Amino acid sequence: MSIFKLSKVAAASVACLLALSTQTVLAAGNGQQLYQKNCASCHGANGLGQMKGVPNLASFDVFSKPDQPLIEVIRSGRNTMPSFLGILNDREIRDVISYVRTLR
C-alpha cells in the first residue's frame, strides 16, 4: 500500500473519531439539559439524590450497570419515580444515561 493511500486511510480514521467525539459531546450536553429538566428535582444536580429513597446516580452500582436496564427503569419508572415513556424518546434516554455516567 502506498504512503498516499495510508495517508487517506489515516485522515478518514481521524475524521471518524472527530465525528464520534462531537456526537458524544453533543449527546452529553443534551443529556445534561434533559437531566436538569426531568431528573434533578429528585436526584439532585450532582446525582446524589435529594429525597429519601432516591438512588445515588453517581454510585458505582448505578454507574456500572449496562444501558438496557437503566433504559427500562427510565421508561417504566420504579417506586416513586414516574415513567418517562412518551416524555423522553430512546435517543433522549440514552443521552441522559450518557450524562449520568459523567457524574461519578
PDB file of N, CA and C in Angstrom:
ATOM      1  N   MET A   1       0.858  -1.174   0.000  1.00  0.00           N
ATOM      2  CA  MET A   1       0.000   0.000   0.000  1.00  0.00           C
ATOM      3  C   MET A   1       0.899   1.229   0.000  1.00  0.00           C
ATOM      4  N   SER A   2       0.558   2.184  -0.825  1.00  0.00           N
ATOM      5  CA  SER A   2       1.389   3.378  -0.932  1.00  0.00           C
ATOM      6  C   SER A   2       1.168   4.300   0.277  1.00  0.00           C
ATOM      7  N   ILE A   3       2.116   5.188   0.479  1.00  0.00           N
ATOM      8  CA  ILE A   3       2.023   6.172   1.568  1.00  0.00           C
ATOM      9  C   ILE A   3       0.810   7.067   1.354  1.00  0.00           C
ATOM     10  N   PHE A   4       0.508   7.388   0.104  1.00  0.00           N
ATOM     11  CA  PHE A   4      -0.648   8.240  -0.199  1.00  0.00           C
ATOM     12  C   PHE A   4      -1.942   7.571   0.266  1.00  0.00           C
ATOM     13  N   LYS A   5      -2.085   6.269  -0.027  1.00  0.00           N
ATOM     14  CA  LYS A   5      -3.282   5.533   0.400  1.00  0.00           C
ATOM     15  C   LYS A   5      -3.347   5.441   1.918  1.00  0.00           C
ATOM     16  N   LEU A   6      -2.205   5.221   2.565  1.00  0.00           N
ATOM     17  CA  LEU A   6      -2.175   5.186   4.027  1.00  0.00           C
ATOM     18  C   LEU A   6      -2.582   6.533   4.611  1.00  0.00           C
ATOM     19  N   SER A   7      -2.136   7.614   3.986  1.00  0.00           N
ATOM     20  CA  SER A   7      -2.499   8.948   4.462  1.00  0.00           C
ATOM     21  C   SER A   7      -4.001   9.183   4.355  1.00  0.00           C
ATOM     22  N   LYS A   8      -4.606   8.704   3.266  1.00  0.00           N
ATOM     23  CA  LYS A   8      -6.047   8.847   3.096  1.00  0.00           C
ATOM     24  C   LYS A   8      -6.801   8.033   4.150  1.00  0.00           C
ATOM     25  N   VAL A   9      -6.308   6.840   4.445  1.00  0.00           N
ATOM     26  CA  VAL A   9      -6.931   5.992   5.464  1.00  0.00           C
ATOM     27  C   VAL A   9      -6.796   6.649   6.836  1.00  0.00           C
ATOM     28  N   ALA A  10      -5.620   7.164   7.130  1.00  0.00           N
ATOM     29  CA  ALA A  10      -5.398   7.837   8.413  1.00  0.00           C
ATOM     30  C   ALA A  10      -6.291   9.061   8.548  1.00  0.00           C
ATOM     31  N   ALA A  11      -6.399   9.836   7.479  1.00  0.00           N
ATOM     32  CA  ALA A  11      -7.247  11.038   7.503  1.00  0.00           C
ATOM     33  C   ALA A  11      -8.707  10.654   7.707  1.00  0.00           C
ATOM     34  N   ALA A  12      -9.156   9.615   7.053  1.00  0.00           N
ATOM     35  CA  ALA A  12     -10.540   9.162   7.216  1.00  0.00           C
ATOM     36  C   ALA A  12     -10.775   8.667   8.642  1.00  0.00           C
ATOM     37  N   SER A  13      -9.806   7.967   9.200  1.00  0.00           N
ATOM     38  CA  SER A  13      -9.927   7.486  10.583  1.00  0.00           C
ATOM     39  C   SER A  13     -10.026   8.642  11.561  1.00  0.00           C
ATOM     40  N   VAL A  14      -9.193   9.652  11.379  1.00  0.00           N
ATOM     41  CA  VAL A  14      -9.230  10.832  12.252  1.00  0.00           C
ATOM     42  C   VAL A  14     -10.571  11.541  12.108  1.00  0.00           C
ATOM     43  N   ALA A  15     -11.061  11.662  10.899  1.00  0.00           N
ATOM     44  CA  ALA A  15     -12.354  12.315  10.670  1.00  0.00           C
ATOM     45  C   ALA A  15     -13.478  11.557  11.376  1.00  0.00           C
ATOM     46  N   CYS A  16     -13.449  10.234  11.322  1.00  0.00           N
ATOM     47  CA  CYS A  16     -14.469   9.427  12.012  1.00  0.00           C
ATOM     48  C   CYS A  16     -14.386   9.617  13.516  1.00  0.00           C
ATOM     49  N   LEU A  17     -13.181   9.613  14.057  1.00  0.00           N
ATOM     50  CA  LEU A  17     -13.015   9.816  15.503  1.00  0.00           C
ATOM     51  C   LEU A  17     -13.502  11.188  15.936  1.00  0.00           C
ATOM     52  N   LEU A  18     -13.211  12.203  15.141  1.00  0.00           N
ATOM     53  CA  LEU A  18     -13.685  13.547  15.471  1.00  0.00           C
ATOM     54  C   LEU A  18     -15.205  13.621  15.417  1.00  0.00           C
ATOM     55  N   ALA A  19     -15.807  12.982  14.443  1.00  0.00           N
ATOM     56  CA  ALA A  19     -17.264  12.980  14.334  1.00  0.00           C
ATOM     57  C   ALA A  19     -17.886  12.275  15.536  1.00  0.00           C
ATOM     58  N   LEU A  20     -17.322  11.150  15.940  1.00  0.00           N
ATOM     59  CA  LEU A  20     -17.831  10.441  17.113  1.00  0.00           C
ATOM     60  C   LEU A  20     -17.646  11.267  18.370  1.00  0.00           C
ATOM     61  N   SER A  21     -16.508  11.931  18.511  1.00  0.00           N
ATOM     62  CA  SER A  21     -16.266  12.781  19.676  1.00  0.00           C
ATOM     63  C   SER A  21     -17.264  13.925  19.715  1.00  0.00           C
ATOM     64  N   THR A  22     -17.543  14.520  18.588  1.00  0.00           N
ATOM     65  CA  THR A  22     -18.515  15.610  18.522  1.00  0.00           C
ATOM     66  C   THR A  22     -19.900  15.111  18.907  1.00  0.00           C
ATOM     67  N   GLN A  23     -20.279  13.929  18.416  1.00  0.00           N
ATOM     68  CA  GLN A  23     -21.583  13.356  18.775  1.00  0.00           C
ATOM     69  C   GLN A  23     -21.659  13.089  20.264  1.00  0.00           C
ATOM     70  N   THR A  24     -20.576  12.596  20.859  1.00  0.00           N
ATOM     71  CA  THR A  24     -20.562  12.324  22.291  1.00  0.00           C
ATOM     72  C   THR A  24     -20.719  13.605  23.089  1.00  0.00           C
ATOM     73  N   VAL A  25     -20.026  14.662  22.695  1.00  0.00           N
ATOM     74  CA  VAL A  25     -20.128  15.945  23.389  1.00  0.00           C
ATOM     75  C   VAL A  25     -21.538  16.506  23.255  1.00  0.00           C
ATOM     76  N   LEU A  26     -22.115  16.439  22.059  1.00  0.00           N
ATOM     77  CA  LEU A  26     -23.481  16.931  21.859  1.00  0.00           C
ATOM     78  C   LEU A  26     -24.476  16.125  22.671  1.00  0.00           C
ATOM     79  N   ALA A  27     -24.315  14.801  22.691  1.00  0.00           N
ATOM     80  CA  ALA A  27     -25.213  13.953  23.471  1.00  0.00           C
ATOM     81  C   ALA A  27     -25.108  14.272  24.954  1.00  0.00           C
ATOM     82  N   ALA A  28     -23.891  14.472  25.441  1.00  0.00           N
ATOM     83  CA  ALA A  28     -23.705  14.802  26.856  1.00  0.00           C
ATOM     84  C   ALA A  28     -24.348  16.143  27.181  1.00  0.00           C
ATOM     85  N   GLY A  29     -24.224  17.122  26.281  1.00  0.00           N
ATOM     86  CA  GLY A  29     -24.849  18.421  26.502  1.00  0.00           C
ATOM     87  C   GLY A  29     -26.358  18.322  26.509  1.00  0.00           C
ATOM     88  N   ASN A  30     -26.917  17.587  25.557  1.00  0.00           N
ATOM     89  CA  ASN A  30     -28.357  17.364  25.502  1.00  0.00           C
ATOM     90  C   ASN A  30     -28.798  16.566  26.726  1.00  0.00           C
ATOM     91  N   GLY A  31     -28.022  15.567  27.096  1.00  0.00           N
ATOM     92  CA  GLY A  31     -28.332  14.758  28.278  1.00  0.00           C
ATOM     93  C   GLY A  31     -28.348  15.594  29.538  1.00  0.00           C
ATOM     94  N   GLN A  32     -27.428  16.523  29.651  1.00  0.00           N
ATOM     95  CA  GLN A  32     -27.381  17.399  30.830  1.00  0.00           C
ATOM     96  C   GLN A  32     -28.642  18.257  30.890  1.00  0.00           C
ATOM     97  N   GLN A  33     -29.031  18.826  29.777  1.00  0.00           N
ATOM     98  CA  GLN A  33     -30.248  19.651  29.755  1.00  0.00           C
ATOM     99  C   GLN A  33     -31.481  18.822  30.104  1.00  0.00           C
ATOM    100  N   LEU A  34     -31.586  17.627  29.537  1.00  0.00           N
ATOM    101  CA  LEU A  34     -32.720  16.758  29.824  1.00  0.00           C
ATOM    102  C   LEU A  34     -32.707  16.316  31.287  1.00  0.00           C
ATOM    103  N   TYR A  35     -31.522  16.019  31.807  1.00  0.00           N
ATOM    104  CA  TYR A  35     -31.395  15.623  33.211  1.00  0.00           C
ATOM    105  C   TYR A  35     -31.846  16.761  34.126  1.00  0.00           C
ATOM    106  N   GLN A  36     -31.373  17.960  33.856  1.00  0.00           N
ATOM    107  CA  GLN A  36     -31.745  19.109  34.693  1.00  0.00           C
ATOM    108  C   GLN A  36     -33.259  19.329  34.664  1.00  0.00           C
ATOM    109  N   LYS A  37     -33.863  19.163  33.510  1.00  0.00           N
ATOM    110  CA  LYS A  37     -35.300  19.401  33.356  1.00  0.00           C
ATOM    111  C   LYS A  37     -36.144  18.296  33.998  1.00  0.00           C
ATOM    112  N   ASN A  38     -35.721  17.027  33.850  1.00  0.00           N
ATOM    113  CA  ASN A  38     -36.576  15.900  34.221  1.00  0.00           C
ATOM    114  C   ASN A  38     -36.143  15.119  35.458  1.00  0.00           C
ATOM    115  N   CYS A  39     -34.894  15.238  35.866  1.00  0.00           N
ATOM    116  CA  CYS A  39     -34.371  14.335  36.895  1.00  0.00           C
ATOM    117  C   CYS A  39     -33.826  15.042  38.139  1.00  0.00           C
ATOM    118  N   ALA A  40     -33.264  16.226  37.943  1.00  0.00           N
ATOM    119  CA  ALA A  40     -32.522  16.894  39.020  1.00  0.00           C
ATOM    120  C   ALA A  40     -33.384  17.236  40.229  1.00  0.00           C
ATOM    121  N   SER A  41     -34.676  17.451  40.030  1.00  0.00           N
ATOM    122  CA  SER A  41     -35.516  17.817  41.173  1.00  0.00           C
ATOM    123  C   SER A  41     -35.551  16.707  42.222  1.00  0.00           C
ATOM    124  N   CYS A  42     -35.405  15.478  41.822  1.00  0.00           N
ATOM    125  CA  CYS A  42     -35.369  14.355  42.779  1.00  0.00           C
ATOM    126  C   CYS A  42     -33.949  13.833  43.004  1.00  0.00           C
ATOM    127  N   HIS A  43     -33.181  13.705  41.927  1.00  0.00           N
ATOM    128  CA  HIS A  43     -31.847  13.112  42.020  1.00  0.00           C
ATOM    129  C   HIS A  43     -30.761  14.131  42.342  1.00  0.00           C
ATOM    130  N   GLY A  44     -31.075  15.419  42.262  1.00  0.00           N
ATOM    131  CA  GLY A  44     -30.094  16.461  42.550  1.00  0.00           C
ATOM    132  C   GLY A  44     -29.224  16.771  41.355  1.00  0.00           C
ATOM    133  N   ALA A  45     -28.672  17.961  41.345  1.00  0.00           N
ATOM    134  CA  ALA A  45     -27.821  18.394  40.233  1.00  0.00           C
ATOM    135  C   ALA A  45     -26.598  17.498  40.084  1.00  0.00           C
ATOM    136  N   ASN A  46     -26.131  16.930  41.188  1.00  0.00           N
ATOM    137  CA  ASN A  46     -24.937  16.095  41.164  1.00  0.00           C
ATOM    138  C   ASN A  46     -25.256  14.602  41.177  1.00  0.00           C
ATOM    139  N   GLY A  47     -26.547  14.243  41.133  1.00  0.00           N
ATOM    140  CA  GLY A  47     -26.950  12.842  41.085  1.00  0.00           C
ATOM    141  C   GLY A  47     -26.966  12.127  42.421  1.00  0.00           C
ATOM    142  N   LEU A  48     -26.698  12.849  43.509  1.00  0.00           N
ATOM    143  CA  LEU A  48     -26.594  12.212  44.824  1.00  0.00           C
ATOM    144  C   LEU A  48     -27.940  11.940  45.483  1.00  0.00           C
ATOM    145  N   GLY A  49     -29.004  12.470  44.930  1.00  0.00           N
ATOM    146  CA  GLY A  49     -30.340  12.241  45.487  1.00  0.00           C
ATOM    147  C   GLY A  49     -30.751  13.369  46.415  1.00  0.00           C
ATOM    148  N   GLN A  50     -31.950  13.877  46.230  1.00  0.00           N
ATOM    149  CA  GLN A  50     -32.469  14.988  47.029  1.00  0.00           C
ATOM    150  C   GLN A  50     -33.482  14.509  48.062  1.00  0.00           C
ATOM    151  N   MET A  51     -34.039  13.332  47.862  1.00  0.00           N
ATOM    152  CA  MET A  51     -35.113  12.849  48.716  1.00  0.00           C
ATOM    153  C   MET A  51     -34.774  11.459  49.242  1.00  0.00           C
ATOM    154  N   LYS A  52     -35.411  11.096  50.362  1.00  0.00           N
ATOM    155  CA  LYS A  52     -35.215   9.767  50.938  1.00  0.00           C
ATOM    156  C   LYS A  52     -35.655   8.696  49.931  1.00  0.00           C
ATOM    157  N   GLY A  53     -34.832   7.686  49.773  1.00  0.00           N
ATOM    158  CA  GLY A  53     -35.151   6.584  48.889  1.00  0.00           C
ATOM    159  C   GLY A  53     -34.777   6.784  47.430  1.00  0.00           C
ATOM    160  N   VAL A  54     -34.284   7.965  47.094  1.00  0.00           N
ATOM    161  CA  VAL A  54     -33.881   8.233  45.711  1.00  0.00           C
ATOM    162  C   VAL A  54     -32.439   7.760  45.545  1.00  0.00           C
ATOM    163  N   PRO A  55     -32.174   6.890  44.572  1.00  0.00           N
ATOM    164  CA  PRO A  55     -30.819   6.356  44.439  1.00  0.00           C
ATOM    165  C   PRO A  55     -29.778   7.413  44.056  1.00  0.00           C
ATOM    166  N   ASN A  56     -28.580   7.161  44.522  1.00  0.00           N
ATOM    167  CA  ASN A  56     -27.412   7.972  44.175  1.00  0.00           C
ATOM    168  C   ASN A  56     -26.970   7.541  42.784  1.00  0.00           C
ATOM    169  N   LEU A  57     -27.187   8.398  41.809  1.00  0.00           N
ATOM    170  CA  LEU A  57     -26.850   8.053  40.424  1.00  0.00           C
ATOM    171  C   LEU A  57     -25.354   8.079  40.161  1.00  0.00           C
ATOM    172  N   ALA A  58     -24.592   8.675  41.063  1.00  0.00           N
ATOM    173  CA  ALA A  58     -23.138   8.724  40.904  1.00  0.00           C
ATOM    174  C   ALA A  58     -22.470   7.501  41.531  1.00  0.00           C
ATOM    175  N   SER A  59     -23.263   6.602  42.097  1.00  0.00           N
ATOM    176  CA  SER A  59     -22.691   5.426  42.759  1.00  0.00           C
ATOM    177  C   SER A  59     -22.201   4.405  41.736  1.00  0.00           C
ATOM    178  N   PHE A  60     -21.277   3.574  42.172  1.00  0.00           N
ATOM    179  CA  PHE A  60     -20.749   2.527  41.298  1.00  0.00           C
ATOM    180  C   PHE A  60     -21.854   1.577  40.867  1.00  0.00           C
ATOM    181  N   ASP A  61     -22.797   1.300  41.765  1.00  0.00           N
ATOM    182  CA  ASP A  61     -23.893   0.378  41.453  1.00  0.00           C
ATOM    183  C   ASP A  61     -24.681   0.840  40.236  1.00  0.00           C
ATOM    184  N   VAL A  62     -24.989   2.118  40.170  1.00  0.00           N
ATOM    185  CA  VAL A  62     -25.725   2.658  39.022  1.00  0.00           C
ATOM    186  C   VAL A  62     -24.793   2.822  37.836  1.00  0.00           C
ATOM    187  N   PHE A  63     -23.622   3.382  38.080  1.00  0.00           N
ATOM    188  CA  PHE A  63     -22.675   3.677  37.002  1.00  0.00           C
ATOM    189  C   PHE A  63     -22.236   2.424  36.257  1.00  0.00           C
ATOM    190  N   SER A  64     -22.125   1.314  36.965  1.00  0.00           N
ATOM    191  CA  SER A  64     -21.593   0.097  36.355  1.00  0.00           C
ATOM    192  C   SER A  64     -22.646  -0.725  35.610  1.00  0.00           C
ATOM    193  N   LYS A  65     -23.910  -0.365  35.710  1.00  0.00           N
ATOM    194  CA  LYS A  65     -24.955  -1.123  35.019  1.00  0.00           C
ATOM    195  C   LYS A  65     -24.892  -0.857  33.515  1.00  0.00           C
ATOM    196  N   PRO A  66     -25.219  -1.870  32.737  1.00  0.00           N
ATOM    197  CA  PRO A  66     -25.319  -1.648  31.289  1.00  0.00           C
ATOM    198  C   PRO A  66     -26.489  -0.700  30.992  1.00  0.00           C
ATOM    199  N   ASP A  67     -26.506  -0.138  29.804  1.00  0.00           N
ATOM    200  CA  ASP A  67     -27.549   0.820  29.420  1.00  0.00           C
ATOM    201  C   ASP A  67     -28.954   0.234  29.489  1.00  0.00           C
ATOM    202  N   GLN A  68     -29.151  -0.987  29.007  1.00  0.00           N
ATOM    203  CA  GLN A  68     -30.503  -1.513  28.842  1.00  0.00           C
ATOM    204  C   GLN A  68     -31.317  -1.536  30.144  1.00  0.00           C
ATOM    205  N   PRO A  69     -30.791  -2.008  31.265  1.00  0.00           N
ATOM    206  CA  PRO A  69     -31.589  -1.957  32.494  1.00  0.00           C
ATOM    207  C   PRO A  69     -31.922  -0.523  32.919  1.00  0.00           C
ATOM    208  N   LEU A  70     -31.008   0.399  32.683  1.00  0.00           N
ATOM    209  CA  LEU A  70     -31.264   1.805  33.017  1.00  0.00           C
ATOM    210  C   LEU A  70     -32.343   2.378  32.105  1.00  0.00           C
ATOM    211  N   ILE A  71     -32.306   2.020  30.837  1.00  0.00           N
ATOM    212  CA  ILE A  71     -33.332   2.462  29.882  1.00  0.00           C
ATOM    213  C   ILE A  71     -34.701   1.978  30.346  1.00  0.00           C
ATOM    214  N   GLU A  72     -34.780   0.721  30.763  1.00  0.00           N
ATOM    215  CA  GLU A  72     -36.061   0.157  31.203  1.00  0.00           C
ATOM    216  C   GLU A  72     -36.599   0.875  32.429  1.00  0.00           C
ATOM    217  N   VAL A  73     -35.733   1.205  33.387  1.00  0.00           N
ATOM    218  CA  VAL A  73     -36.171   1.930  34.588  1.00  0.00           C
ATOM    219  C   VAL A  73     -36.700   3.308  34.204  1.00  0.00           C
ATOM    220  N   ILE A  74     -35.988   3.996  33.316  1.00  0.00           N
ATOM    221  CA  ILE A  74     -36.421   5.328  32.907  1.00  0.00           C
ATOM    222  C   ILE A  74     -37.741   5.247  32.139  1.00  0.00           C
ATOM    223  N   ARG A  75     -37.869   4.265  31.280  1.00  0.00           N
ATOM    224  CA  ARG A  75     -39.117   4.109  30.520  1.00  0.00           C
ATOM    225  C   ARG A  75     -40.307   3.804  31.429  1.00  0.00           C
ATOM    226  N   SER A  76     -40.130   2.860  32.343  1.00  0.00           N
ATOM    227  CA  SER A  76     -41.281   2.366  33.110  1.00  0.00           C
ATOM    228  C   SER A  76     -41.402   2.960  34.506  1.00  0.00           C
ATOM    229  N   GLY A  77     -40.346   3.586  35.010  1.00  0.00           N
ATOM    230  CA  GLY A  77     -40.383   4.119  36.367  1.00  0.00           C
ATOM    231  C   GLY A  77     -40.101   3.038  37.398  1.00  0.00           C
ATOM    232  N   ARG A  78     -39.933   3.454  38.632  1.00  0.00           N
ATOM    233  CA  ARG A  78     -39.690   2.500  39.715  1.00  0.00           C
ATOM    234  C   ARG A  78     -39.994   3.204  41.030  1.00  0.00           C
ATOM    235  N   ASN A  79     -40.695   2.520  41.906  1.00  0.00           N
ATOM    236  CA  ASN A  79     -41.084   3.072  43.207  1.00  0.00           C
ATOM    237  C   ASN A  79     -41.762   4.433  43.009  1.00  0.00           C
ATOM    238  N   THR A  80     -41.182   5.508  43.520  1.00  0.00           N
ATOM    239  CA  THR A  80     -41.818   6.828  43.368  1.00  0.00           C
ATOM    240  C   THR A  80     -41.412   7.527  42.072  1.00  0.00           C
ATOM    241  N   MET A  81     -40.482   6.941  41.326  1.00  0.00           N
ATOM    242  CA  MET A  81     -40.065   7.548  40.056  1.00  0.00           C
ATOM    243  C   MET A  81     -41.122   7.283  38.993  1.00  0.00           C
ATOM    244  N   PRO A  82     -41.589   8.346  38.330  1.00  0.00           N
ATOM    245  CA  PRO A  82     -42.592   8.140  37.275  1.00  0.00           C
ATOM    246  C   PRO A  82     -41.972   7.560  36.010  1.00  0.00           C
ATOM    247  N   SER A  83     -42.822   7.040  35.164  1.00  0.00           N
ATOM    248  CA  SER A  83     -42.411   6.576  33.847  1.00  0.00           C
ATOM    249  C   SER A  83     -42.134   7.778  32.957  1.00  0.00           C
ATOM    250  N   PHE A  84     -41.097   7.685  32.153  1.00  0.00           N
ATOM    251  CA  PHE A  84     -40.808   8.730  31.179  1.00  0.00           C
ATOM    252  C   PHE A  84     -41.120   8.273  29.759  1.00  0.00           C
ATOM    253  N   LEU A  85     -41.836   7.147  29.640  1.00  0.00           N
ATOM    254  CA  LEU A  85     -42.283   6.657  28.346  1.00  0.00           C
ATOM    255  C   LEU A  85     -43.252   7.682  27.763  1.00  0.00           C
ATOM    256  N   GLY A  86     -42.979   8.130  26.551  1.00  0.00           N
ATOM    257  CA  GLY A  86     -43.802   9.147  25.924  1.00  0.00           C
ATOM    258  C   GLY A  86     -43.361  10.569  26.248  1.00  0.00           C
ATOM    259  N   ILE A  87     -42.474  10.710  27.234  1.00  0.00           N
ATOM    260  CA  ILE A  87     -41.929  12.026  27.588  1.00  0.00           C
ATOM    261  C   ILE A  87     -40.544  12.177  26.973  1.00  0.00           C
ATOM    262  N   LEU A  88     -39.734  11.130  27.126  1.00  0.00           N
ATOM    263  CA  LEU A  88     -38.396  11.090  26.529  1.00  0.00           C
ATOM    264  C   LEU A  88     -38.360   9.971  25.503  1.00  0.00           C
ATOM    265  N   ASN A  89     -37.802  10.248  24.328  1.00  0.00           N
ATOM    266  CA  ASN A  89     -37.642   9.182  23.342  1.00  0.00           C
ATOM    267  C   ASN A  89     -36.356   8.405  23.652  1.00  0.00           C
ATOM    268  N   ASP A  90     -36.114   7.333  22.914  1.00  0.00           N
ATOM    269  CA  ASP A  90     -34.958   6.472  23.199  1.00  0.00           C
ATOM    270  C   ASP A  90     -33.635   7.224  23.104  1.00  0.00           C
ATOM    271  N   ARG A  91     -33.492   8.110  22.129  1.00  0.00           N
ATOM    272  CA  ARG A  91     -32.247   8.879  21.994  1.00  0.00           C
ATOM    273  C   ARG A  91     -32.056   9.788  23.197  1.00  0.00           C
ATOM    274  N   GLU A  92     -33.112  10.421  23.645  1.00  0.00           N
ATOM    275  CA  GLU A  92     -33.022  11.304  24.811  1.00  0.00           C
ATOM    276  C   GLU A  92     -32.695  10.513  26.075  1.00  0.00           C
ATOM    277  N   ILE A  93     -33.282   9.339  26.215  1.00  0.00           N
ATOM    278  CA  ILE A  93     -32.975   8.487  27.378  1.00  0.00           C
ATOM    279  C   ILE A  93     -31.495   8.111  27.357  1.00  0.00           C
ATOM    280  N   ARG A  94     -30.991   7.732  26.202  1.00  0.00           N
ATOM    281  CA  ARG A  94     -29.569   7.382  26.098  1.00  0.00           C
ATOM    282  C   ARG A  94     -28.679   8.595  26.387  1.00  0.00           C
ATOM    283  N   ASP A  95     -29.113   9.777  25.963  1.00  0.00           N
ATOM    284  CA  ASP A  95     -28.354  10.996  26.252  1.00  0.00           C
ATOM    285  C   ASP A  95     -28.312  11.257  27.755  1.00  0.00           C
ATOM    286  N   VAL A  96     -29.437  11.051  28.423  1.00  0.00           N
ATOM    287  CA  VAL A  96     -29.474  11.234  29.889  1.00  0.00           C
ATOM    288  C   VAL A  96     -28.528  10.233  30.544  1.00  0.00           C
ATOM    289  N   ILE A  97     -28.555   8.998  30.108  1.00  0.00           N
ATOM    290  CA  ILE A  97     -27.674   7.972  30.677  1.00  0.00           C
ATOM    291  C   ILE A  97     -26.218   8.345  30.443  1.00  0.00           C
ATOM    292  N   SER A  98     -25.898   8.828  29.256  1.00  0.00           N
ATOM    293  CA  SER A  98     -24.521   9.269  28.978  1.00  0.00           C
ATOM    294  C   SER A  98     -24.116  10.380  29.931  1.00  0.00           C
ATOM    295  N   TYR A  99     -25.015  11.318  30.169  1.00  0.00           N
ATOM    296  CA  TYR A  99     -24.712  12.407  31.097  1.00  0.00           C
ATOM    297  C   TYR A  99     -24.558  11.881  32.531  1.00  0.00           C
ATOM    298  N   VAL A 100     -25.451  11.007  32.962  1.00  0.00           N
ATOM    299  CA  VAL A 100     -25.382  10.456  34.322  1.00  0.00           C
ATOM    300  C   VAL A 100     -24.034   9.766  34.539  1.00  0.00           C
ATOM    301  N   ARG A 101     -23.504   9.133  33.521  1.00  0.00           N
ATOM    302  CA  ARG A 101     -22.210   8.455  33.655  1.00  0.00           C
ATOM    303  C   ARG A 101     -21.069   9.451  33.884  1.00  0.00           C
ATOM    304  N   THR A 102     -21.289  10.728  33.610  1.00  0.00           N
ATOM    305  CA  THR A 102     -20.254  11.740  33.882  1.00  0.00           C
ATOM    306  C   THR A 102     -20.299  12.228  35.327  1.00  0.00           C
ATOM    307  N   LEU A 103     -21.316  11.843  36.081  1.00  0.00           N
ATOM    308  CA  LEU A 103     -21.484  12.344  37.453  1.00  0.00           C
ATOM    309  C   LEU A 103     -20.606  11.630  38.478  1.00  0.00           C
ATOM    310  N   ARG A 104     -19.962  10.573  38.091  1.00  0.00           N
ATOM    311  CA  ARG A 104     -19.164   9.806  39.060  1.00  0.00           C
ATOM    312  C   ARG A 104     -17.992  10.572  39.591  1.00  0.00           C
TER     313      ARG A 104
END
